[in-house]
Protein backbone atom coordinates (compact mmCIF):
# COMPACT_ATOMS: atom_id res chain seq x y z
CA MET A 1 66.86 174.00 -11.43
CA GLU A 2 70.11 172.21 -10.67
CA TRP A 3 70.24 168.66 -9.32
CA ALA A 4 71.33 169.60 -5.79
CA GLU A 5 68.32 171.88 -5.38
CA THR A 6 66.04 169.19 -6.70
CA LEU A 7 67.52 166.69 -4.30
CA TRP A 8 66.93 168.96 -1.29
CA LEU A 9 63.34 169.65 -2.48
CA ALA A 10 62.72 165.91 -2.75
CA LEU A 11 64.15 165.40 0.73
CA ALA A 12 61.89 168.15 2.16
CA LEU A 13 58.87 166.57 0.54
CA VAL A 14 59.76 163.16 2.03
CA LEU A 15 60.04 164.76 5.49
CA ILE A 16 56.68 166.47 5.12
CA LEU A 17 54.97 163.26 4.00
CA GLU A 18 56.67 161.23 6.78
CA GLY A 19 55.44 163.67 9.42
CA LEU A 20 51.81 163.66 8.37
CA LEU A 21 50.80 160.37 9.94
CA PRO A 22 52.27 161.06 13.40
CA LEU A 23 50.72 164.47 13.34
CA LEU A 24 47.24 163.46 12.23
CA ALA A 25 46.93 160.00 13.79
CA PRO A 26 49.57 159.36 16.44
CA ARG A 27 47.83 156.27 17.95
CA GLN A 28 47.62 154.54 14.55
CA TRP A 29 51.21 155.50 13.75
CA ARG A 30 52.41 153.99 17.05
CA GLN A 31 50.48 150.77 16.33
CA MET A 32 51.93 150.52 12.88
CA PHE A 33 55.46 151.20 14.20
CA THR A 34 54.96 148.47 16.87
CA GLN A 35 53.86 146.00 14.12
CA LEU A 36 56.91 146.90 12.06
CA MET A 37 59.18 146.17 15.01
CA GLN A 38 57.76 142.60 15.09
CA LEU A 39 58.84 141.87 11.43
CA ARG A 40 61.99 139.80 10.72
CA ASP A 41 64.96 141.44 8.96
CA GLY A 42 64.08 139.68 5.72
CA GLN A 43 60.57 140.96 5.75
CA LEU A 44 61.78 144.55 6.36
CA ARG A 45 64.31 144.25 3.55
CA PHE A 46 61.52 143.05 1.23
CA CYS A 47 59.37 145.98 2.16
CA GLY A 48 62.30 148.31 1.51
CA LEU A 49 62.88 146.66 -1.84
CA LEU A 50 59.25 147.16 -2.81
CA CYS A 51 59.43 150.85 -1.81
CA ILE A 52 62.59 151.36 -3.90
CA ALA A 53 61.01 149.59 -6.88
CA ALA A 54 57.85 151.68 -6.61
CA GLY A 55 59.93 154.87 -6.45
CA ILE A 56 61.90 153.85 -9.52
CA VAL A 57 58.75 153.08 -11.44
CA ALA A 58 57.24 156.43 -10.37
CA LEU A 59 60.37 158.31 -11.48
CA ALA A 60 60.37 156.48 -14.79
CA LEU A 61 56.73 157.40 -15.44
CA LEU A 62 57.43 161.10 -14.66
């Protein structure tokens, strides 16, 4: 499998996972989104950094 195909498969998986919460629990998703809107930029950046770090660790373990 070439890298471009793998990248598209990964993107498709992200979209599937991102769509599960609004599909299964729209009220909770809306509440979570509202809470995220209340965070300051620095807090959002830190959350993004943690997500990136977790993804790198997961890739390294696989």
